[in-house]
Amino acid sequence: IAHIPAEVVQGRYDMVCPAETAFDLVA
């Protein structure tokens, strides 16, 4: 899916799904 555009929205203080995971995905 490298060619598919995406918008990722992440709460800084999301404790259920901490922000580290969103950063890993976007990287």
PDB file of all heavy atoms in Angstrom:
ATOM      1  N   ILE A   1       0.816  -1.219   0.000  1.00  0.00           N
ATOM      2  CA  ILE A   1       0.000   0.000   0.000  1.00  0.00           C
ATOM      3  C   ILE A   1       0.850   1.269   0.000  1.00  0.00           C
ATOM      4  O   ILE A   1       0.360   2.348   0.300  1.00  0.00           O
ATOM      5  CB  ILE A   1      -0.971   0.014   1.195  1.00  0.00           C
ATOM      6  CG1 ILE A   1      -0.225  -0.039   2.539  1.00  0.00           C
ATOM      7  CG2 ILE A   1      -1.952  -1.156   1.093  1.00  0.00           C
ATOM      8  CD1 ILE A   1      -1.142   0.161   3.744  1.00  0.00           C
ATOM      9  N   ALA A   2       2.123   1.146  -0.346  1.00  0.00           N
ATOM     10  CA  ALA A   2       3.027   2.296  -0.308  1.00  0.00           C
ATOM     11  C   ALA A   2       2.535   3.438  -1.195  1.00  0.00           C
ATOM     12  O   ALA A   2       2.817   4.614  -0.924  1.00  0.00           O
ATOM     13  CB  ALA A   2       4.433   1.880  -0.722  1.00  0.00           C
ATOM     14  N   HIS A   3       1.782   3.112  -2.241  1.00  0.00           N
ATOM     15  CA  HIS A   3       1.317   4.119  -3.201  1.00  0.00           C
ATOM     16  C   HIS A   3       0.021   4.800  -2.768  1.00  0.00           C
ATOM     17  O   HIS A   3      -0.394   5.794  -3.368  1.00  0.00           O
ATOM     18  CB  HIS A   3       1.069   3.454  -4.557  1.00  0.00           C
ATOM     19  CG  HIS A   3       0.004   2.402  -4.512  1.00  0.00           C
ATOM     20  ND1 HIS A   3       0.197   1.185  -3.895  1.00  0.00           N
ATOM     21  CD2 HIS A   3      -1.280   2.383  -4.980  1.00  0.00           C
ATOM     22  CE1 HIS A   3      -0.903   0.452  -4.000  1.00  0.00           C
ATOM     23  NE2 HIS A   3      -1.804   1.157  -4.647  1.00  0.00           N
ATOM     24  N   ILE A   4      -0.622   4.300  -1.712  1.00  0.00           N
ATOM     25  CA  ILE A   4      -1.927   4.818  -1.297  1.00  0.00           C
ATOM     26  C   ILE A   4      -1.734   5.996  -0.342  1.00  0.00           C
ATOM     27  O   ILE A   4      -0.998   5.892   0.639  1.00  0.00           O
ATOM     28  CB  ILE A   4      -2.742   3.706  -0.611  1.00  0.00           C
ATOM     29  CG1 ILE A   4      -3.068   2.596  -1.618  1.00  0.00           C
ATOM     30  CG2 ILE A   4      -4.034   4.265  -0.008  1.00  0.00           C
ATOM     31  CD1 ILE A   4      -3.770   1.398  -1.016  1.00  0.00           C
ATOM     32  N   PRO A   5      -2.390   7.132  -0.595  1.00  0.00           N
ATOM     33  CA  PRO A   5      -2.263   8.272   0.324  1.00  0.00           C
ATOM     34  C   PRO A   5      -3.021   8.026   1.622  1.00  0.00           C
ATOM     35  O   PRO A   5      -4.058   7.346   1.635  1.00  0.00           O
ATOM     36  CB  PRO A   5      -2.886   9.431  -0.465  1.00  0.00           C
ATOM     37  CG  PRO A   5      -3.844   8.780  -1.407  1.00  0.00           C
ATOM     38  CD  PRO A   5      -3.240   7.449  -1.763  1.00  0.00           C
ATOM     39  N   ALA A   6      -2.508   8.586   2.706  1.00  0.00           N
ATOM     40  CA  ALA A   6      -3.133   8.378   4.013  1.00  0.00           C
ATOM     41  C   ALA A   6      -3.011   9.623   4.874  1.00  0.00           C
ATOM     42  O   ALA A   6      -2.026  10.366   4.784  1.00  0.00           O
ATOM     43  CB  ALA A   6      -2.492   7.192   4.733  1.00  0.00           C
ATOM     44  N   GLU A   7      -4.016   9.839   5.692  1.00  0.00           N
ATOM     45  CA  GLU A   7      -4.013  10.850   6.743  1.00  0.00           C
ATOM     46  C   GLU A   7      -4.109  10.103   8.073  1.00  0.00           C
ATOM     47  O   GLU A   7      -5.032   9.306   8.281  1.00  0.00           O
ATOM     48  CB  GLU A   7      -5.210  11.789   6.593  1.00  0.00           C
ATOM     49  CG  GLU A   7      -5.222  12.619   5.326  1.00  0.00           C
ATOM     50  CD  GLU A   7      -4.444  13.910   5.473  1.00  0.00           C
ATOM     51  OE1 GLU A   7      -4.011  14.216   6.607  1.00  0.00           O
ATOM     52  OE2 GLU A   7      -4.286  14.616   4.456  1.00  0.00           O
ATOM     53  N   VAL A   8      -3.170  10.347   8.971  1.00  0.00           N
ATOM     54  CA  VAL A   8      -3.140   9.681  10.275  1.00  0.00           C
ATOM     55  C   VAL A   8      -3.301  10.752  11.353  1.00  0.00           C
ATOM     56  O   VAL A   8      -2.523  11.707  11.405  1.00  0.00           O
ATOM     57  CB  VAL A   8      -1.832   8.900  10.478  1.00  0.00           C
ATOM     58  CG1 VAL A   8      -1.797   8.253  11.857  1.00  0.00           C
ATOM     59  CG2 VAL A   8      -1.665   7.850   9.380  1.00  0.00           C
ATOM     60  N   VAL A   9      -4.319  10.589  12.184  1.00  0.00           N
ATOM     61  CA  VAL A   9      -4.608  11.535  13.266  1.00  0.00           C
ATOM     62  C   VAL A   9      -4.365  10.826  14.592  1.00  0.00           C
ATOM     63  O   VAL A   9      -4.903   9.731  14.832  1.00  0.00           O
ATOM     64  CB  VAL A   9      -6.059  12.047  13.179  1.00  0.00           C
ATOM     65  CG1 VAL A   9      -6.391  12.923  14.389  1.00  0.00           C
ATOM     66  CG2 VAL A   9      -6.281  12.815  11.876  1.00  0.00           C
ATOM     67  N   GLN A  10      -3.580  11.448  15.453  1.00  0.00           N
ATOM     68  CA  GLN A  10      -3.173  10.797  16.699  1.00  0.00           C
ATOM     69  C   GLN A  10      -3.227  11.769  17.860  1.00  0.00           C
ATOM     70  O   GLN A  10      -2.622  12.845  17.803  1.00  0.00           O
ATOM     71  CB  GLN A  10      -1.745  10.256  16.570  1.00  0.00           C
ATOM     72  CG  GLN A  10      -1.216   9.557  17.798  1.00  0.00           C
ATOM     73  CD  GLN A  10      -1.911   8.228  18.071  1.00  0.00           C
ATOM     74  OE1 GLN A  10      -2.231   7.488  17.150  1.00  0.00           O
ATOM     75  NE2 GLN A  10      -2.138   7.930  19.339  1.00  0.00           N
ATOM     76  N   GLY A  11      -3.967  11.415  18.921  1.00  0.00           N
ATOM     77  CA  GLY A  11      -3.930  12.210  20.139  1.00  0.00           C
ATOM     78  C   GLY A  11      -2.593  12.031  20.841  1.00  0.00           C
ATOM     79  O   GLY A  11      -2.132  10.896  21.032  1.00  0.00           O
ATOM     80  N   ARG A  12      -1.969  13.125  21.203  1.00  0.00           N
ATOM     81  CA  ARG A  12      -0.670  13.058  21.866  1.00  0.00           C
ATOM     82  C   ARG A  12      -0.739  12.212  23.131  1.00  0.00           C
ATOM     83  O   ARG A  12       0.187  11.455  23.437  1.00  0.00           O
ATOM     84  CB  ARG A  12      -0.199  14.476  22.218  1.00  0.00           C
ATOM     85  CG  ARG A  12       1.054  14.543  23.096  1.00  0.00           C
ATOM     86  CD  ARG A  12       2.291  14.069  22.355  1.00  0.00           C
ATOM     87  NE  ARG A  12       2.705  15.055  21.359  1.00  0.00           N
ATOM     88  CZ  ARG A  12       3.692  14.864  20.483  1.00  0.00           C
ATOM     89  NH1 ARG A  12       4.354  13.708  20.477  1.00  0.00           N
ATOM     90  NH2 ARG A  12       4.014  15.806  19.617  1.00  0.00           N
ATOM     91  N   TYR A  13      -1.841  12.329  23.886  1.00  0.00           N
ATOM     92  CA  TYR A  13      -1.966  11.628  25.157  1.00  0.00           C
ATOM     93  C   TYR A  13      -2.945  10.455  25.059  1.00  0.00           C
ATOM     94  O   TYR A  13      -3.637  10.137  26.032  1.00  0.00           O
ATOM     95  CB  TYR A  13      -2.371  12.622  26.249  1.00  0.00           C
ATOM     96  CG  TYR A  13      -1.344  13.713  26.401  1.00  0.00           C
ATOM     97  CD1 TYR A  13      -1.580  14.998  25.916  1.00  0.00           C
ATOM     98  CD2 TYR A  13      -0.104  13.447  26.981  1.00  0.00           C
ATOM     99  CE1 TYR A  13      -0.623  15.991  26.029  1.00  0.00           C
ATOM    100  CE2 TYR A  13       0.857  14.433  27.096  1.00  0.00           C
ATOM    101  CZ  TYR A  13       0.595  15.707  26.620  1.00  0.00           C
ATOM    102  OH  TYR A  13       1.554  16.685  26.725  1.00  0.00           O
ATOM    103  N   ASP A  14      -2.958   9.815  23.912  1.00  0.00           N
ATOM    104  CA  ASP A  14      -3.739   8.594  23.726  1.00  0.00           C
ATOM    105  C   ASP A  14      -3.082   7.493  24.554  1.00  0.00           C
ATOM    106  O   ASP A  14      -1.974   7.065  24.256  1.00  0.00           O
ATOM    107  CB  ASP A  14      -3.761   8.227  22.236  1.00  0.00           C
ATOM    108  CG  ASP A  14      -4.643   7.031  21.914  1.00  0.00           C
ATOM    109  OD1 ASP A  14      -4.924   6.234  22.819  1.00  0.00           O
ATOM    110  OD2 ASP A  14      -5.034   6.903  20.738  1.00  0.00           O
ATOM    111  N   MET A  15      -3.783   7.027  25.571  1.00  0.00           N
ATOM    112  CA  MET A  15      -3.229   5.993  26.433  1.00  0.00           C
ATOM    113  C   MET A  15      -3.667   4.586  26.026  1.00  0.00           C
ATOM    114  O   MET A  15      -3.024   3.607  26.401  1.00  0.00           O
ATOM    115  CB  MET A  15      -3.622   6.249  27.892  1.00  0.00           C
ATOM    116  CG  MET A  15      -2.968   7.471  28.512  1.00  0.00           C
ATOM    117  SD  MET A  15      -1.161   7.277  28.654  1.00  0.00           S
ATOM    118  CE  MET A  15      -0.609   8.403  27.386  1.00  0.00           C
ATOM    119  N   VAL A  16      -4.757   4.473  25.276  1.00  0.00           N
ATOM    120  CA  VAL A  16      -5.204   3.163  24.814  1.00  0.00           C
ATOM    121  C   VAL A  16      -4.322   2.681  23.666  1.00  0.00           C
ATOM    122  O   VAL A  16      -3.909   1.521  23.617  1.00  0.00           O
ATOM    123  CB  VAL A  16      -6.691   3.210  24.401  1.00  0.00           C
ATOM    124  CG1 VAL A  16      -7.148   1.870  23.819  1.00  0.00           C
ATOM    125  CG2 VAL A  16      -7.557   3.589  25.603  1.00  0.00           C
ATOM    126  N   CYS A  17      -4.032   3.584  22.737  1.00  0.00           N
ATOM    127  CA  CYS A  17      -3.137   3.285  21.611  1.00  0.00           C
ATOM    128  C   CYS A  17      -2.080   4.385  21.561  1.00  0.00           C
ATOM    129  O   CYS A  17      -2.232   5.377  20.839  1.00  0.00           O
ATOM    130  CB  CYS A  17      -3.917   3.234  20.293  1.00  0.00           C
ATOM    131  SG  CYS A  17      -5.146   1.915  20.215  1.00  0.00           S
ATOM    132  N   PRO A  18      -1.008   4.256  22.336  1.00  0.00           N
ATOM    133  CA  PRO A  18      -0.019   5.334  22.454  1.00  0.00           C
ATOM    134  C   PRO A  18       0.574   5.764  21.117  1.00  0.00           C
ATOM    135  O   PRO A  18       0.641   4.994  20.153  1.00  0.00           O
ATOM    136  CB  PRO A  18       1.039   4.733  23.374  1.00  0.00           C
ATOM    137  CG  PRO A  18       0.293   3.746  24.208  1.00  0.00           C
ATOM    138  CD  PRO A  18      -0.720   3.157  23.273  1.00  0.00           C
ATOM    139  N   ALA A  19       1.018   7.020  21.076  1.00  0.00           N
ATOM    140  CA  ALA A  19       1.434   7.671  19.831  1.00  0.00           C
ATOM    141  C   ALA A  19       2.594   6.971  19.138  1.00  0.00           C
ATOM    142  O   ALA A  19       2.761   7.103  17.919  1.00  0.00           O
ATOM    143  CB  ALA A  19       1.793   9.129  20.115  1.00  0.00           C
ATOM    144  N   GLU A  20       3.405   6.252  19.864  1.00  0.00           N
ATOM    145  CA  GLU A  20       4.546   5.556  19.262  1.00  0.00           C
ATOM    146  C   GLU A  20       4.115   4.708  18.063  1.00  0.00           C
ATOM    147  O   GLU A  20       4.819   4.638  17.046  1.00  0.00           O
ATOM    148  CB  GLU A  20       5.210   4.664  20.307  1.00  0.00           C
ATOM    149  CG  GLU A  20       6.368   3.831  19.777  1.00  0.00           C
ATOM    150  CD  GLU A  20       6.921   2.880  20.820  1.00  0.00           C
ATOM    151  OE1 GLU A  20       6.210   2.574  21.800  1.00  0.00           O
ATOM    152  OE2 GLU A  20       8.072   2.438  20.649  1.00  0.00           O
ATOM    153  N   THR A  21       2.946   4.073  18.168  1.00  0.00           N
ATOM    154  CA  THR A  21       2.483   3.194  17.098  1.00  0.00           C
ATOM    155  C   THR A  21       2.183   3.977  15.832  1.00  0.00           C
ATOM    156  O   THR A  21       2.520   3.542  14.721  1.00  0.00           O
ATOM    157  CB  THR A  21       1.238   2.411  17.563  1.00  0.00           C
ATOM    158  OG1 THR A  21       1.569   1.679  18.743  1.00  0.00           O
ATOM    159  CG2 THR A  21       0.778   1.444  16.497  1.00  0.00           C
ATOM    160  N   ALA A  22       1.544   5.131  15.964  1.00  0.00           N
ATOM    161  CA  ALA A  22       1.263   5.966  14.790  1.00  0.00           C
ATOM    162  C   ALA A  22       2.562   6.413  14.128  1.00  0.00           C
ATOM    163  O   ALA A  22       2.669   6.431  12.890  1.00  0.00           O
ATOM    164  CB  ALA A  22       0.430   7.174  15.201  1.00  0.00           C
ATOM    165  N   PHE A  23       3.559   6.771  14.932  1.00  0.00           N
ATOM    166  CA  PHE A  23       4.848   7.175  14.368  1.00  0.00           C
ATOM    167  C   PHE A  23       5.514   6.007  13.643  1.00  0.00           C
ATOM    168  O   PHE A  23       6.118   6.191  12.587  1.00  0.00           O
ATOM    169  CB  PHE A  23       5.746   7.733  15.466  1.00  0.00           C
ATOM    170  CG  PHE A  23       5.477   9.177  15.816  1.00  0.00           C
ATOM    171  CD1 PHE A  23       4.416   9.508  16.657  1.00  0.00           C
ATOM    172  CD2 PHE A  23       6.258  10.184  15.295  1.00  0.00           C
ATOM    173  CE1 PHE A  23       4.159  10.838  16.974  1.00  0.00           C
ATOM    174  CE2 PHE A  23       6.006  11.526  15.609  1.00  0.00           C
ATOM    175  CZ  PHE A  23       4.951  11.842  16.449  1.00  0.00           C
ATOM    176  N   ASP A  24       5.410   4.810  14.194  1.00  0.00           N
ATOM    177  CA  ASP A  24       5.977   3.627  13.533  1.00  0.00           C
ATOM    178  C   ASP A  24       5.297   3.394  12.178  1.00  0.00           C
ATOM    179  O   ASP A  24       5.956   3.059  11.187  1.00  0.00           O
ATOM    180  CB  ASP A  24       5.804   2.384  14.408  1.00  0.00           C
ATOM    181  CG  ASP A  24       6.699   2.387  15.635  1.00  0.00           C
ATOM    182  OD1 ASP A  24       7.646   3.203  15.685  1.00  0.00           O
ATOM    183  OD2 ASP A  24       6.436   1.581  16.548  1.00  0.00           O
ATOM    184  N   LEU A  25       3.982   3.551  12.137  1.00  0.00           N
ATOM    185  CA  LEU A  25       3.256   3.351  10.879  1.00  0.00           C
ATOM    186  C   LEU A  25       3.655   4.383   9.835  1.00  0.00           C
ATOM    187  O   LEU A  25       3.958   4.030   8.684  1.00  0.00           O
ATOM    188  CB  LEU A  25       1.745   3.424  11.136  1.00  0.00           C
ATOM    189  CG  LEU A  25       0.873   3.321   9.882  1.00  0.00           C
ATOM    190  CD1 LEU A  25       1.033   1.974   9.201  1.00  0.00           C
ATOM    191  CD2 LEU A  25      -0.596   3.590  10.230  1.00  0.00           C
ATOM    192  N   VAL A  26       3.678   5.633  10.208  1.00  0.00           N
ATOM    193  CA  VAL A  26       3.998   6.693   9.254  1.00  0.00           C
ATOM    194  C   VAL A  26       5.435   6.557   8.746  1.00  0.00           C
ATOM    195  O   VAL A  26       5.720   6.831   7.571  1.00  0.00           O
ATOM    196  CB  VAL A  26       3.746   8.074   9.896  1.00  0.00           C
ATOM    197  CG1 VAL A  26       4.276   9.202   9.007  1.00  0.00           C
ATOM    198  CG2 VAL A  26       2.255   8.266  10.143  1.00  0.00           C
ATOM    199  N   ALA A  27       6.347   6.105   9.587  1.00  0.00           N
ATOM    200  CA  ALA A  27       7.731   5.898   9.160  1.00  0.00           C
ATOM    201  C   ALA A  27       7.831   4.832   8.068  1.00  0.00           C
ATOM    202  O   ALA A  27       8.776   4.842   7.272  1.00  0.00           O
ATOM    203  CB  ALA A  27       8.599   5.506  10.357  1.00  0.00           C
TER     204      ALA A  27
END
